[in-house]
C-alpha atoms as a PDB file:
ATOM      1  CA  MET A   1      16.833  15.119 -12.664  1.00  0.00           C
ATOM      2  CA  THR A   2      15.312  12.684 -10.170  1.00  0.00           C
ATOM      3  CA  VAL A   3      11.192  13.085  -9.597  1.00  0.00           C
ATOM      4  CA  PRO A   4      10.711  12.841  -5.659  1.00  0.00           C
ATOM      5  CA  ARG A   5       8.423  10.136  -4.829  1.00  0.00           C
ATOM      6  CA  ILE A   6       5.234  10.620  -3.333  1.00  0.00           C
ATOM      7  CA  PRO A   7       4.661   9.737   0.360  1.00  0.00           C
ATOM      8  CA  ALA A   8       2.425   7.168   1.440  1.00  0.00           C
ATOM      9  CA  THR A   9       1.112   6.571   5.112  1.00  0.00           C
ATOM     10  CA  ILE A  10      -0.316   3.484   6.018  1.00  0.00           C
ATOM     11  CA  VAL A  11      -2.756   3.534   9.207  1.00  0.00           C
ATOM     12  CA  THR A  12      -3.457   0.688  10.846  1.00  0.00           C
ATOM     13  CA  GLY A  13      -5.350  -0.890  13.674  1.00  0.00           C
ATOM     14  CA  PHE A  14      -8.027  -2.884  14.808  1.00  0.00           C
ATOM     15  CA  LEU A  15     -11.791  -2.379  14.648  1.00  0.00           C
ATOM     16  CA  GLY A  16     -12.939   0.415  16.836  1.00  0.00           C
ATOM     17  CA  ALA A  17      -9.661   1.759  17.621  1.00  0.00           C
ATOM     18  CA  GLY A  18     -10.295   4.986  16.153  1.00  0.00           C
ATOM     19  CA  LYS A  19      -9.020   5.235  12.838  1.00  0.00           C
ATOM     20  CA  THR A  20     -12.083   7.022  11.312  1.00  0.00           C
ATOM     21  CA  SER A  21     -11.594   9.781  13.843  1.00  0.00           C
ATOM     22  CA  LEU A  22      -8.082   9.826  12.996  1.00  0.00           C
ATOM     23  CA  LEU A  23      -9.052  10.049   9.287  1.00  0.00           C
ATOM     24  CA  GLN A  24     -11.153  12.785   9.745  1.00  0.00           C
ATOM     25  CA  ASN A  25      -8.985  14.993  11.742  1.00  0.00           C
ATOM     26  CA  LEU A  26      -6.069  14.194   9.232  1.00  0.00           C
ATOM     27  CA  ALA A  27      -8.369  15.600   6.652  1.00  0.00           C
ATOM     28  CA  LYS A  28      -8.966  18.978   8.467  1.00  0.00           C
ATOM     29  CA  SER A  29      -5.379  19.606   9.180  1.00  0.00           C
ATOM     30  CA  ALA A  30      -3.844  18.800   6.248  1.00  0.00           C
ATOM     31  CA  GLY A  31      -2.371  21.947   5.886  1.00  0.00           C
ATOM     32  CA  GLY A  32      -2.875  22.607   1.992  1.00  0.00           C
ATOM     33  CA  ARG A  33      -1.461  19.225   1.197  1.00  0.00           C
ATOM     34  CA  ARG A  34      -3.442  17.236  -2.066  1.00  0.00           C
ATOM     35  CA  LEU A  35      -4.419  14.165   0.146  1.00  0.00           C
ATOM     36  CA  ALA A  36      -5.608  10.801  -1.392  1.00  0.00           C
ATOM     37  CA  PHE A  37      -7.487   8.323   0.817  1.00  0.00           C
ATOM     38  CA  VAL A  38      -7.180   4.571  -0.039  1.00  0.00           C
ATOM     39  CA  ILE A  39      -9.670   2.921   2.625  1.00  0.00           C
ATOM     40  CA  ASN A  40      -9.816  -0.972   3.404  1.00  0.00           C
ATOM     41  CA  GLU A  41     -12.218  -1.048   6.515  1.00  0.00           C
ATOM     42  CA  PHE A  42     -15.394  -3.371   6.789  1.00  0.00           C
ATOM     43  CA  GLY A  43     -18.662  -3.161   8.476  1.00  0.00           C
ATOM     44  CA  GLU A  44     -21.026  -0.566   9.852  1.00  0.00           C
ATOM     45  CA  THR A  45     -18.229   0.898  12.088  1.00  0.00           C
ATOM     46  CA  GLY A  46     -15.494   0.996   9.478  1.00  0.00           C
ATOM     47  CA  ILE A  47     -14.697   4.165   7.387  1.00  0.00           C
ATOM     48  CA  ASP A  48     -17.629   5.423   6.147  1.00  0.00           C
ATOM     49  CA  ARG A  49     -16.076   7.361   2.723  1.00  0.00           C
ATOM     50  CA  ASP A  50     -19.070   9.964   2.933  1.00  0.00           C
ATOM     51  CA  LEU A  51     -17.508  11.314   6.097  1.00  0.00           C
ATOM     52  CA  LEU A  52     -14.187  12.122   4.368  1.00  0.00           C
ATOM     53  CA  LEU A  53     -16.092  13.830   1.362  1.00  0.00           C
ATOM     54  CA  GLY A  54     -16.517  16.528   3.338  1.00  0.00           C
ATOM     55  CA  CYS A  55     -12.907  17.234   4.310  1.00  0.00           C
ATOM     56  CA  GLY A  56     -12.955  20.713   3.574  1.00  0.00           C
ATOM     57  CA  ILE A  57      -9.769  20.659   1.261  1.00  0.00           C
ATOM     58  CA  ALA A  58      -9.495  22.319  -1.996  1.00  0.00           C
ATOM     59  CA  GLY A  59      -9.936  19.858  -4.605  1.00  0.00           C
ATOM     60  CA  CYS A  60     -10.937  17.225  -2.299  1.00  0.00           C
ATOM     61  CA  ASP A  61     -13.709  15.172  -4.161  1.00  0.00           C
ATOM     62  CA  GLU A  62     -14.848  11.510  -4.620  1.00  0.00           C
ATOM     63  CA  ASP A  63     -11.765  10.731  -6.732  1.00  0.00           C
ATOM     64  CA  ASP A  64      -9.344  11.556  -3.549  1.00  0.00           C
ATOM     65  CA  ILE A  65     -11.285   8.851  -1.474  1.00  0.00           C
ATOM     66  CA  ILE A  66     -11.287   5.361  -2.785  1.00  0.00           C
ATOM     67  CA  GLU A  67     -12.566   2.272  -1.227  1.00  0.00           C
ATOM     68  CA  LEU A  68     -11.328  -1.249  -1.553  1.00  0.00           C
ATOM     69  CA  ALA A  69     -13.926  -3.841  -0.530  1.00  0.00           C
ATOM     70  CA  ASN A  70     -12.804  -6.936  -2.065  1.00  0.00           C
ATOM     71  CA  GLY A  71     -11.188  -8.091   1.329  1.00  0.00           C
ATOM     72  CA  CYS A  72      -8.137  -7.944   3.281  1.00  0.00           C
ATOM     73  CA  ILE A  73      -5.716  -5.747   1.364  1.00  0.00           C
ATOM     74  CA  CYS A  74      -2.513  -7.450   2.669  1.00  0.00           C
ATOM     75  CA  CYS A  75      -3.965 -10.631   0.920  1.00  0.00           C
ATOM     76  CA  THR A  76      -5.106  -8.996  -2.250  1.00  0.00           C
ATOM     77  CA  VAL A  77      -2.046  -6.877  -3.097  1.00  0.00           C
ATOM     78  CA  ALA A  78      -1.900  -7.889  -6.797  1.00  0.00           C
ATOM     79  CA  ASP A  79      -5.548  -7.460  -7.766  1.00  0.00           C
ATOM     80  CA  ASP A  80      -6.537  -4.433  -5.709  1.00  0.00           C
ATOM     81  CA  PHE A  81      -3.899  -1.979  -3.869  1.00  0.00           C
ATOM     82  CA  LEU A  82      -1.397  -2.138  -6.636  1.00  0.00           C
ATOM     83  CA  PRO A  83      -3.643  -1.138  -9.692  1.00  0.00           C
ATOM     84  CA  THR A  84      -5.116   1.481  -7.158  1.00  0.00           C
ATOM     85  CA  ILE A  85      -2.048   3.043  -6.311  1.00  0.00           C
ATOM     86  CA  GLU A  86      -0.811   3.425  -9.942  1.00  0.00           C
ATOM     87  CA  LYS A  87      -4.123   5.283 -10.997  1.00  0.00           C
ATOM     88  CA  LEU A  88      -3.344   7.869  -8.445  1.00  0.00           C
ATOM     89  CA  LEU A  89       0.103   8.109  -9.625  1.00  0.00           C
ATOM     90  CA  ASP A  90      -0.742   8.346 -13.049  1.00  0.00           C
ATOM     91  CA  ARG A  91      -3.253  11.204 -12.463  1.00  0.00           C
ATOM     92  CA  ARG A  92      -2.748  14.714 -14.409  1.00  0.00           C
ATOM     93  CA  GLU A  93      -2.325  15.854 -10.732  1.00  0.00           C
ATOM     94  CA  PRO A  94      -1.251  13.487  -8.494  1.00  0.00           C
ATOM     95  CA  PRO A  95      -1.719  14.088  -4.591  1.00  0.00           C
ATOM     96  CA  ASP A  96       0.579  15.511  -2.516  1.00  0.00           C
ATOM     97  CA  HIS A  97       0.400  12.581   0.180  1.00  0.00           C
ATOM     98  CA  ILE A  98      -1.677   9.378  -0.114  1.00  0.00           C
ATOM     99  CA  VAL A  99      -3.250   7.635   3.143  1.00  0.00           C
ATOM    100  CA  ILE A 100      -3.925   4.058   3.236  1.00  0.00           C
ATOM    101  CA  GLU A 101      -6.471   2.748   5.961  1.00  0.00           C
ATOM    102  CA  THR A 102      -6.185  -0.597   6.169  1.00  0.00           C
ATOM    103  CA  SER A 103      -8.385  -3.284   8.314  1.00  0.00           C
ATOM    104  CA  GLY A 104      -7.966  -4.121  11.408  1.00  0.00           C
ATOM    105  CA  LEU A 105      -7.126  -7.325  10.027  1.00  0.00           C
ATOM    106  CA  ALA A 106      -4.317  -6.618   8.062  1.00  0.00           C
ATOM    107  CA  LEU A 107      -0.658  -7.432   8.392  1.00  0.00           C
ATOM    108  CA  PRO A 108       1.159  -4.297   7.437  1.00  0.00           C
ATOM    109  CA  LYS A 109       4.744  -5.693   6.408  1.00  0.00           C
ATOM    110  CA  PRO A 110       3.233  -7.407   3.067  1.00  0.00           C
ATOM    111  CA  LEU A 111       1.566  -4.027   2.457  1.00  0.00           C
ATOM    112  CA  VAL A 112       4.733  -2.201   2.955  1.00  0.00           C
ATOM    113  CA  LYS A 113       6.850  -5.009   0.742  1.00  0.00           C
ATOM    114  CA  ALA A 114       4.270  -4.004  -2.241  1.00  0.00           C
ATOM    115  CA  PHE A 115       5.964  -0.438  -2.450  1.00  0.00           C
ATOM    116  CA  ALA A 116       9.020  -2.617  -3.657  1.00  0.00           C
ATOM    117  CA  TRP A 117       7.194  -3.956  -6.753  1.00  0.00           C
ATOM    118  CA  PRO A 118       8.625  -2.677 -10.366  1.00  0.00           C
ATOM    119  CA  GLU A 119       5.143  -0.826 -10.770  1.00  0.00           C
ATOM    120  CA  VAL A 120       5.555   1.908  -8.026  1.00  0.00           C
ATOM    121  CA  ARG A 121       8.987   1.741  -6.262  1.00  0.00           C
ATOM    122  CA  SER A 122      10.505   4.606  -8.197  1.00  0.00           C
ATOM    123  CA  ARG A 123       7.466   6.579  -7.700  1.00  0.00           C
ATOM    124  CA  VAL A 124       6.113   6.234  -4.125  1.00  0.00           C
ATOM    125  CA  THR A 125       7.671   5.682  -0.676  1.00  0.00           C
ATOM    126  CA  VAL A 126       6.257   4.835   2.619  1.00  0.00           C
ATOM    127  CA  ASP A 127       6.514   7.899   4.707  1.00  0.00           C
ATOM    128  CA  GLY A 128       5.191   5.722   7.671  1.00  0.00           C
ATOM    129  CA  VAL A 129       3.373   3.201   9.443  1.00  0.00           C
ATOM    130  CA  ILE A 130       0.920   4.329  11.899  1.00  0.00           C
ATOM    131  CA  VAL A 131      -0.740   1.917  14.379  1.00  0.00           C
ATOM    132  CA  VAL A 132      -3.822   3.186  16.214  1.00  0.00           C
ATOM    133  CA  VAL A 133      -4.449   1.338  19.734  1.00  0.00           C
ATOM    134  CA  ASP A 134      -7.434   1.734  21.624  1.00  0.00           C
ATOM    135  CA  ALA A 135      -5.589   2.782  24.972  1.00  0.00           C
ATOM    136  CA  PRO A 136      -8.250   1.398  27.891  1.00  0.00           C
ATOM    137  CA  ALA A 137      -8.571  -2.068  25.849  1.00  0.00           C
ATOM    138  CA  ALA A 138      -4.828  -2.534  25.410  1.00  0.00           C
ATOM    139  CA  SER A 139      -4.612  -1.686  29.358  1.00  0.00           C
ATOM    140  CA  ASP A 140      -6.808  -4.436  30.269  1.00  0.00           C
ATOM    141  CA  GLY A 141      -5.065  -6.761  27.905  1.00  0.00           C
ATOM    142  CA  ARG A 142      -7.011  -6.966  24.739  1.00  0.00           C
ATOM    143  CA  PHE A 143      -6.459  -5.796  21.655  1.00  0.00           C
ATOM    144  CA  ALA A 144      -9.666  -4.430  20.723  1.00  0.00           C
ATOM    145  CA  ASP A 145     -12.753  -2.769  22.660  1.00  0.00           C
ATOM    146  CA  ASP A 146     -14.882  -5.834  21.478  1.00  0.00           C
ATOM    147  CA  PRO A 147     -12.691  -8.591  20.365  1.00  0.00           C
ATOM    148  CA  GLU A 148     -15.823 -10.299  19.494  1.00  0.00           C
ATOM    149  CA  LYS A 149     -16.623  -8.439  17.022  1.00  0.00           C
ATOM    150  CA  VAL A 150     -13.304  -8.545  15.398  1.00  0.00           C
ATOM    151  CA  VAL A 151     -13.404 -12.163  15.274  1.00  0.00           C
ATOM    152  CA  VAL A 152     -16.863 -11.955  13.494  1.00  0.00           C
ATOM    153  CA  GLN A 153     -15.209  -9.597  11.188  1.00  0.00           C
ATOM    154  CA  PHE A 154     -12.114 -12.230  10.625  1.00  0.00           C
ATOM    155  CA  LEU A 155     -14.604 -14.831   9.988  1.00  0.00           C
ATOM    156  CA  ALA A 156     -17.002 -13.331   7.583  1.00  0.00           C
ATOM    157  CA  ASP A 157     -13.951 -12.440   4.965  1.00  0.00           C
ATOM    158  CA  PRO A 158     -13.259 -15.140   2.976  1.00  0.00           C
ATOM    159  CA  ALA A 159     -10.307 -12.875   1.279  1.00  0.00           C
ATOM    160  CA  VAL A 160      -8.271 -13.189   4.242  1.00  0.00           C
ATOM    161  CA  THR A 161      -6.108 -15.746   3.859  1.00  0.00           C
ATOM    162  CA  HIS A 162      -3.822 -15.330   6.646  1.00  0.00           C
ATOM    163  CA  GLU A 163      -4.674 -17.363   9.928  1.00  0.00           C
ATOM    164  CA  ASN A 164      -2.421 -15.735  12.675  1.00  0.00           C
ATOM    165  CA  PRO A 165      -4.105 -15.196  15.876  1.00  0.00           C
ATOM    166  CA  LEU A 166      -5.087 -11.966  16.191  1.00  0.00           C
ATOM    167  CA  GLY A 167      -3.236 -11.008  19.075  1.00  0.00           C
ATOM    168  CA  GLU A 168      -0.075 -12.089  16.765  1.00  0.00           C
ATOM    169  CA  VAL A 169      -1.379  -9.697  14.106  1.00  0.00           C
ATOM    170  CA  PHE A 170      -1.597  -6.917  16.951  1.00  0.00           C
ATOM    171  CA  GLU A 171       1.997  -7.449  17.550  1.00  0.00           C
ATOM    172  CA  ASP A 172       2.804  -7.826  13.812  1.00  0.00           C
ATOM    173  CA  GLN A 173       1.215  -4.018  13.337  1.00  0.00           C
ATOM    174  CA  LEU A 174       3.236  -2.830  16.256  1.00  0.00           C
ATOM    175  CA  ALA A 175       6.472  -4.071  15.166  1.00  0.00           C
ATOM    176  CA  CYS A 176       6.240  -2.825  11.839  1.00  0.00           C
ATOM    177  CA  ALA A 177       5.075   0.653  13.469  1.00  0.00           C
ATOM    178  CA  ASP A 178       6.907   3.936  12.941  1.00  0.00           C
ATOM    179  CA  LEU A 179       4.508   5.885  15.185  1.00  0.00           C
ATOM    180  CA  VAL A 180       1.914   4.680  17.870  1.00  0.00           C
ATOM    181  CA  LEU A 181      -1.499   6.446  18.868  1.00  0.00           C
ATOM    182  CA  LEU A 182      -2.401   5.486  22.349  1.00  0.00           C
ATOM    183  CA  ASN A 183      -5.935   6.797  21.327  1.00  0.00           C
ATOM    184  CA  LYS A 184      -8.862   7.460  24.072  1.00  0.00           C
ATOM    185  CA  ALA A 185      -5.738   8.160  26.385  1.00  0.00           C
ATOM    186  CA  ASP A 186      -8.023  10.241  28.041  1.00  0.00           C
ATOM    187  CA  LEU A 187      -9.894   7.262  29.475  1.00  0.00           C
ATOM    188  CA  LEU A 188      -6.681   6.056  31.418  1.00  0.00           C
ATOM    189  CA  ASP A 189      -5.209   7.871  34.519  1.00  0.00           C
ATOM    190  CA  ALA A 190      -1.463   8.962  34.181  1.00  0.00           C
ATOM    191  CA  HIS A 191      -0.286   5.467  36.072  1.00  0.00           C
ATOM    192  CA  ALA A 192      -1.846   3.043  34.024  1.00  0.00           C
ATOM    193  CA  LEU A 193      -1.001   5.180  30.471  1.00  0.00           C
ATOM    194  CA  GLY A 194       2.505   5.002  31.861  1.00  0.00           C
ATOM    195  CA  VAL A 195       2.530   1.488  32.301  1.00  0.00           C
ATOM    196  CA  LEU A 196       0.590   0.653  29.014  1.00  0.00           C
ATOM    197  CA  SER A 197       3.482   2.578  27.522  1.00  0.00           C
ATOM    198  CA  ARG A 198       6.406   0.702  29.224  1.00  0.00           C
ATOM    199  CA  ARG A 199       4.651  -2.370  28.344  1.00  0.00           C
ATOM    200  CA  LEU A 200       4.097  -1.407  24.402  1.00  0.00           C
ATOM    201  CA  ARG A 201       7.773  -0.297  24.109  1.00  0.00           C
ATOM    202  CA  THR A 202       8.661  -4.026  24.609  1.00  0.00           C
ATOM    203  CA  LYS A 203       7.399  -5.034  21.055  1.00  0.00           C
ATOM    204  CA  LEU A 204       8.372  -1.727  19.265  1.00  0.00           C
ATOM    205  CA  ARG A 205      11.606  -1.249  17.443  1.00  0.00           C
ATOM    206  CA  PRO A 206      14.085   1.643  18.633  1.00  0.00           C
ATOM    207  CA  GLY A 207      12.899   5.019  18.410  1.00  0.00           C
ATOM    208  CA  VAL A 208       9.412   4.413  17.575  1.00  0.00           C
ATOM    209  CA  ARG A 209       7.355   7.284  19.271  1.00  0.00           C
ATOM    210  CA  LEU A 210       4.145   6.556  21.491  1.00  0.00           C
ATOM    211  CA  VAL A 211       1.483   9.770  20.866  1.00  0.00           C
ATOM    212  CA  PRO A 212      -1.604   9.650  23.193  1.00  0.00           C
ATOM    213  CA  SER A 213      -4.490  11.070  21.604  1.00  0.00           C
ATOM    214  CA  ARG A 214      -8.242  11.797  21.831  1.00  0.00           C
ATOM    215  CA  PHE A 215     -10.635  11.192  19.537  1.00  0.00           C
ATOM    216  CA  GLY A 216      -7.673  10.820  16.929  1.00  0.00           C
ATOM    217  CA  ALA A 217      -7.067  14.536  17.027  1.00  0.00           C
ATOM    218  CA  VAL A 218      -3.236  14.332  16.014  1.00  0.00           C
ATOM    219  CA  ASP A 219      -2.101  17.249  13.855  1.00  0.00           C
ATOM    220  CA  ALA A 220      -0.792  16.346  10.320  1.00  0.00           C
ATOM    221  CA  GLY A 221       2.492  17.595  10.995  1.00  0.00           C
ATOM    222  CA  VAL A 222       2.933  14.833  13.369  1.00  0.00           C
ATOM    223  CA  LEU A 223       1.613  12.103  11.191  1.00  0.00           C
ATOM    224  CA  LEU A 224       2.771  13.028   7.847  1.00  0.00           C
ATOM    225  CA  GLY A 225       6.611  13.702   7.250  1.00  0.00           C
ATOM    226  CA  LEU A 226       8.152  10.891   8.914  1.00  0.00           C
ATOM    227  CA  GLY A 227      10.481  10.044   6.050  1.00  0.00           C
ATOM    228  CA  ALA A 228      10.866   6.413   7.137  1.00  0.00           C
ATOM    229  CA  ALA A 229      11.145   4.890   3.559  1.00  0.00           C
ATOM    230  CA  ALA A 230       9.775   1.643   5.389  1.00  0.00           C
ATOM    231  CA  GLU A 231       9.937  -0.225   2.113  1.00  0.00           C
ATOM    232  CA  ALA A 232      13.602  -0.223   2.309  1.00  0.00           C
ATOM    233  CA  ASP A 233      13.890  -1.156   6.270  1.00  0.00           C
ATOM    234  CA  LEU A 234      11.801  -4.590   5.928  1.00  0.00           C
ATOM    235  CA  GLY A 235      14.964  -6.151   7.464  1.00  0.00           C
ATOM    236  CA  ASN A 236      14.023  -4.340  10.843  1.00  0.00           C
ATOM    237  CA  ARG A 237      10.316  -5.057  10.906  1.00  0.00           C
ATOM    238  CA  SER A 238       9.570  -8.741  12.504  1.00  0.00           C
ATOM    239  CA  SER A 239       6.869 -10.537  11.605  1.00  0.00           C
ATOM    240  CA  TYR A 240       5.326 -13.697  12.872  1.00  0.00           C
ATOM    241  CA  HIS A 241       4.589 -14.865   9.215  1.00  0.00           C
ATOM    242  CA  GLU A 242       8.007 -14.807   8.280  1.00  0.00           C
ATOM    243  CA  ALA A 243       9.087 -16.347  11.476  1.00  0.00           C
ATOM    244  CA  GLU A 244       7.028 -19.465  10.473  1.00  0.00           C
ATOM    245  CA  GLY A 245       8.260 -19.355   7.048  1.00  0.00           C
ATOM    246  CA  ASP A 246       5.365 -17.733   5.401  1.00  0.00           C
ATOM    247  CA  ASP A 247       6.032 -15.456   2.502  1.00  0.00           C
ATOM    248  CA  HIS A 248       2.535 -14.074   2.817  1.00  0.00           C
ATOM    249  CA  ASP A 249       2.312 -11.628  -0.050  1.00  0.00           C
ATOM    250  CA  HIS A 250       4.402 -12.954  -2.732  1.00  0.00           C
ATOM    251  CA  ASP A 251       3.736 -16.671  -2.510  1.00  0.00           C
ATOM    252  CA  ASP A 252       1.561 -16.868  -5.613  1.00  0.00           C
ATOM    253  CA  PHE A 253       3.313 -13.906  -7.801  1.00  0.00           C
ATOM    254  CA  GLU A 254       6.500 -13.264  -9.594  1.00  0.00           C
ATOM    255  CA  SER A 255       7.713 -10.822 -11.925  1.00  0.00           C
ATOM    256  CA  PHE A 256      10.872 -10.565 -14.739  1.00  0.00           C
ATOM    257  CA  VAL A 257      12.005  -8.213 -17.146  1.00  0.00           C
ATOM    258  CA  VAL A 258      11.809  -8.908 -21.001  1.00  0.00           C
ATOM    259  CA  ALA A 259      14.658  -6.764 -22.828  1.00  0.00           C
ATOM    260  CA  LEU A 260      13.021  -5.400 -26.020  1.00  0.00           C
ATOM    261  CA  PRO A 261      15.213  -4.867 -29.250  1.00  0.00           C
ATOM    262  CA  GLU A 262      13.953  -2.073 -31.275  1.00  0.00           C
ATOM    263  CA  ILE A 263      10.449  -1.995 -32.358  1.00  0.00           C
ATOM    264  CA  PRO A 264       9.576  -0.940 -35.863  1.00  0.00           C
ATOM    265  CA  GLU A 265       5.885  -2.192 -35.788  1.00  0.00           C
ATOM    266  CA  ILE A 266       4.337  -0.949 -32.643  1.00  0.00           C
ATOM    267  CA  ASN A 267       1.072  -2.824 -33.533  1.00  0.00           C
ATOM    268  CA  ALA A 268       2.823  -6.037 -34.172  1.00  0.00           C
ATOM    269  CA  LEU A 269       4.390  -6.044 -30.333  1.00  0.00           C
ATOM    270  CA  LEU A 270       1.568  -5.456 -28.825  1.00  0.00           C
ATOM    271  CA  ALA A 271      -0.246  -8.233 -30.391  1.00  0.00           C
ATOM    272  CA  ARG A 272       2.615 -10.242 -29.198  1.00  0.00           C
ATOM    273  CA  ILE A 273       1.978  -9.250 -25.772  1.00  0.00           C
ATOM    274  CA  VAL A 274      -1.786  -9.762 -25.809  1.00  0.00           C
ATOM    275  CA  ALA A 275      -0.762 -13.164 -27.280  1.00  0.00           C
ATOM    276  CA  ALA A 276       1.333 -14.009 -24.269  1.00  0.00           C
ATOM    277  CA  THR A 277      -1.129 -12.794 -22.010  1.00  0.00           C
ATOM    278  CA  ALA A 278      -3.753 -15.181 -23.316  1.00  0.00           C
ATOM    279  CA  VAL A 279      -1.435 -18.432 -23.154  1.00  0.00           C
ATOM    280  CA  HIS A 280       0.173 -17.837 -19.979  1.00  0.00           C
ATOM    281  CA  ASP A 281      -0.879 -16.438 -16.398  1.00  0.00           C
ATOM    282  CA  VAL A 282       0.542 -12.960 -17.074  1.00  0.00           C
ATOM    283  CA  LEU A 283      -1.481 -10.273 -15.112  1.00  0.00           C
ATOM    284  CA  ARG A 284       0.139  -6.953 -15.700  1.00  0.00           C
ATOM    285  CA  VAL A 285       3.005  -5.557 -17.985  1.00  0.00           C
ATOM    286  CA  LYS A 286       4.696  -2.434 -17.697  1.00  0.00           C
ATOM    287  CA  GLY A 287       7.580  -0.979 -19.495  1.00  0.00           C
ATOM    288  CA  PHE A 288       9.246   1.116 -22.381  1.00  0.00           C
ATOM    289  CA  ALA A 289      10.522   0.526 -25.738  1.00  0.00           C
ATOM    290  CA  ASP A 290      12.549   2.158 -28.490  1.00  0.00           C
ATOM    291  CA  VAL A 291      10.948   2.918 -31.792  1.00  0.00           C
ATOM    292  CA  PRO A 292      13.609   3.741 -34.825  1.00  0.00           C
ATOM    293  CA  GLY A 293      13.062   7.297 -36.053  1.00  0.00           C
ATOM    294  CA  LYS A 294      11.126   8.265 -32.944  1.00  0.00           C
ATOM    295  CA  SER A 295      12.513  11.177 -30.567  1.00  0.00           C
ATOM    296  CA  MET A 296      10.358   9.916 -28.006  1.00  0.00           C
ATOM    297  CA  ARG A 297       9.924   6.564 -25.884  1.00  0.00           C
ATOM    298  CA  LEU A 298       6.977   4.294 -25.954  1.00  0.00           C
ATOM    299  CA  ALA A 299       5.397   3.478 -22.791  1.00  0.00           C
ATOM    300  CA  ILE A 300       3.523   0.281 -22.403  1.00  0.00           C
ATOM    301  CA  GLN A 301       1.172  -0.505 -19.674  1.00  0.00           C
ATOM    302  CA  GLY A 302      -1.281  -3.377 -19.709  1.00  0.00           C
ATOM    303  CA  VAL A 303      -3.675  -5.074 -17.498  1.00  0.00           C
ATOM    304  CA  GLY A 304      -4.749  -8.700 -18.676  1.00  0.00           C
ATOM    305  CA  PRO A 305      -5.502  -8.438 -22.074  1.00  0.00           C
ATOM    306  CA  ARG A 306      -5.907  -4.589 -21.729  1.00  0.00           C
ATOM    307  CA  LEU A 307      -3.199  -2.730 -23.202  1.00  0.00           C
ATOM    308  CA  ASP A 308      -2.031   0.997 -23.759  1.00  0.00           C
ATOM    309  CA  ALA A 309       0.958   2.454 -25.331  1.00  0.00           C
ATOM    310  CA  TYR A 310       1.939   6.049 -25.870  1.00  0.00           C
ATOM    311  CA  PHE A 311       4.681   8.229 -26.452  1.00  0.00           C
ATOM    312  CA  ASP A 312       5.419   9.586 -22.932  1.00  0.00           C
ATOM    313  CA  ARG A 313       8.678  11.677 -23.102  1.00  0.00           C
ATOM    314  CA  PRO A 314      11.506  12.531 -25.589  1.00  0.00           C
ATOM    315  CA  TRP A 315      14.850   9.958 -25.048  1.00  0.00           C
ATOM    316  CA  ARG A 316      17.112  12.044 -23.185  1.00  0.00           C
ATOM    317  CA  VAL A 317      20.504  12.987 -24.621  1.00  0.00           C
ATOM    318  CA  GLY A 318      22.936  10.428 -23.928  1.00  0.00           C
ATOM    319  CA  GLU A 319      20.070   7.921 -22.579  1.00  0.00           C
ATOM    320  CA  ALA A 320      20.604   4.144 -23.469  1.00  0.00           C
ATOM    321  CA  ARG A 321      17.666   3.469 -25.735  1.00  0.00           C
ATOM    322  CA  THR A 322      16.656   0.305 -24.368  1.00  0.00           C
ATOM    323  CA  GLY A 323      13.800  -1.376 -24.116  1.00  0.00           C
ATOM    324  CA  ARG A 324      12.858  -3.371 -21.261  1.00  0.00           C
ATOM    325  CA  LEU A 325       9.042  -5.007 -20.187  1.00  0.00           C
ATOM    326  CA  VAL A 326       8.274  -6.321 -16.590  1.00  0.00           C
ATOM    327  CA  VAL A 327       5.894  -9.153 -16.990  1.00  0.00           C
ATOM    328  CA  ILE A 328       3.899 -10.010 -13.617  1.00  0.00           C
ATOM    329  CA  GLY A 329       2.064 -12.850 -13.203  1.00  0.00           C
ATOM    330  CA  LEU A 330       1.444 -16.225 -11.267  1.00  0.00           C
ATOM    331  CA  LYS A 331       4.307 -18.126  -9.614  1.00  0.00           C
ATOM    332  CA  GLY A 332       5.901 -20.472 -12.035  1.00  0.00           C
ATOM    333  CA  LEU A 333       5.507 -18.525 -15.218  1.00  0.00           C
ATOM    334  CA  PRO A 334       7.580 -20.167 -18.242  1.00  0.00           C
ATOM    335  CA  ARG A 335       9.802 -16.860 -18.662  1.00  0.00           C
ATOM    336  CA  ASP A 336      11.692 -18.492 -21.643  1.00  0.00           C
ATOM    337  CA  ALA A 337       8.293 -19.134 -23.828  1.00  0.00           C
ATOM    338  CA  ILE A 338       6.801 -15.599 -22.910  1.00  0.00           C
ATOM    339  CA  GLY A 339      10.167 -13.636 -23.459  1.00  0.00           C
ATOM    340  CA  ALA A 340      10.168 -15.456 -27.187  1.00  0.00           C
ATOM    341  CA  ILE A 341       6.430 -14.470 -27.814  1.00  0.00           C
ATOM    342  CA  ILE A 342       7.023 -11.039 -27.120  1.00  0.00           C
ATOM    343  CA  ARG A 343      10.173 -10.299 -28.890  1.00  0.00           C
ATOM    344  CA  GLY A 344       8.814 -12.460 -31.694  1.00  0.00           C
END
């Protein structure tokens, strides 16, 4: 039986567009869904974690609202974002839906790509990318109500490694969108809203909806359950970075699989993995091993020198007791040398 993947929604948009209000309203209209929020905004006008702690949903507590403050998550995917998603998925009671609020500086496509990484691709899917647009600002030809503030935010964050002009970041967000909210639409008359909608549609993929909103008040039934599986549709989501030949999020990392033979001595295997991690630039390992005489498979997870091994479930009838370990690290890993150390 295939376990259903947990849906994740990416919410992006520039500083001041209304992402804070959107997430507050989303929490209030969740309809009983257990939501987890991953927040990556900066500055006093960004998402205030405390605003979401009073979401009013049974079971919604501090553990369901996670802040990532080490920089723009499209630039820190391996360091911060993936481990956070894994922790949510590994909970005894994982969330029904994960909502990821990015910095307005984030490029959404590298973040969507991260959901195809080995650690999470079988367990979570991108339900949709929602872009929040400041409608009056966009109508006036600006990507944000206060562009100077956004520039200050950009320059103040040393973790932002992409150097796109902010207008290109805005277009990258639109090109990756599954739904666009024209927030503060009540501040435009019908004619201006129509002109803006027609202009933005030229930047969107066919079928992407434009939804007017006020104070981010859009029901969860509209925002959640889009079923976009965006990680499987990357080819249709254009990006300035890729047009310029910049594989933004995977330039510095790579992964490969080490086939494991039967493991009669668990501690010896773990010692070899620790040794490989210490000698080479291995960041993460995750996989399974076959221990002779045991009816259950051995699960192995590690971050740097920290390793965890446990028997997670019985081997299924007819299932090949094949051991394999995914190794992730800095680009240029000596694969043969690492494999030889791990296999012993």
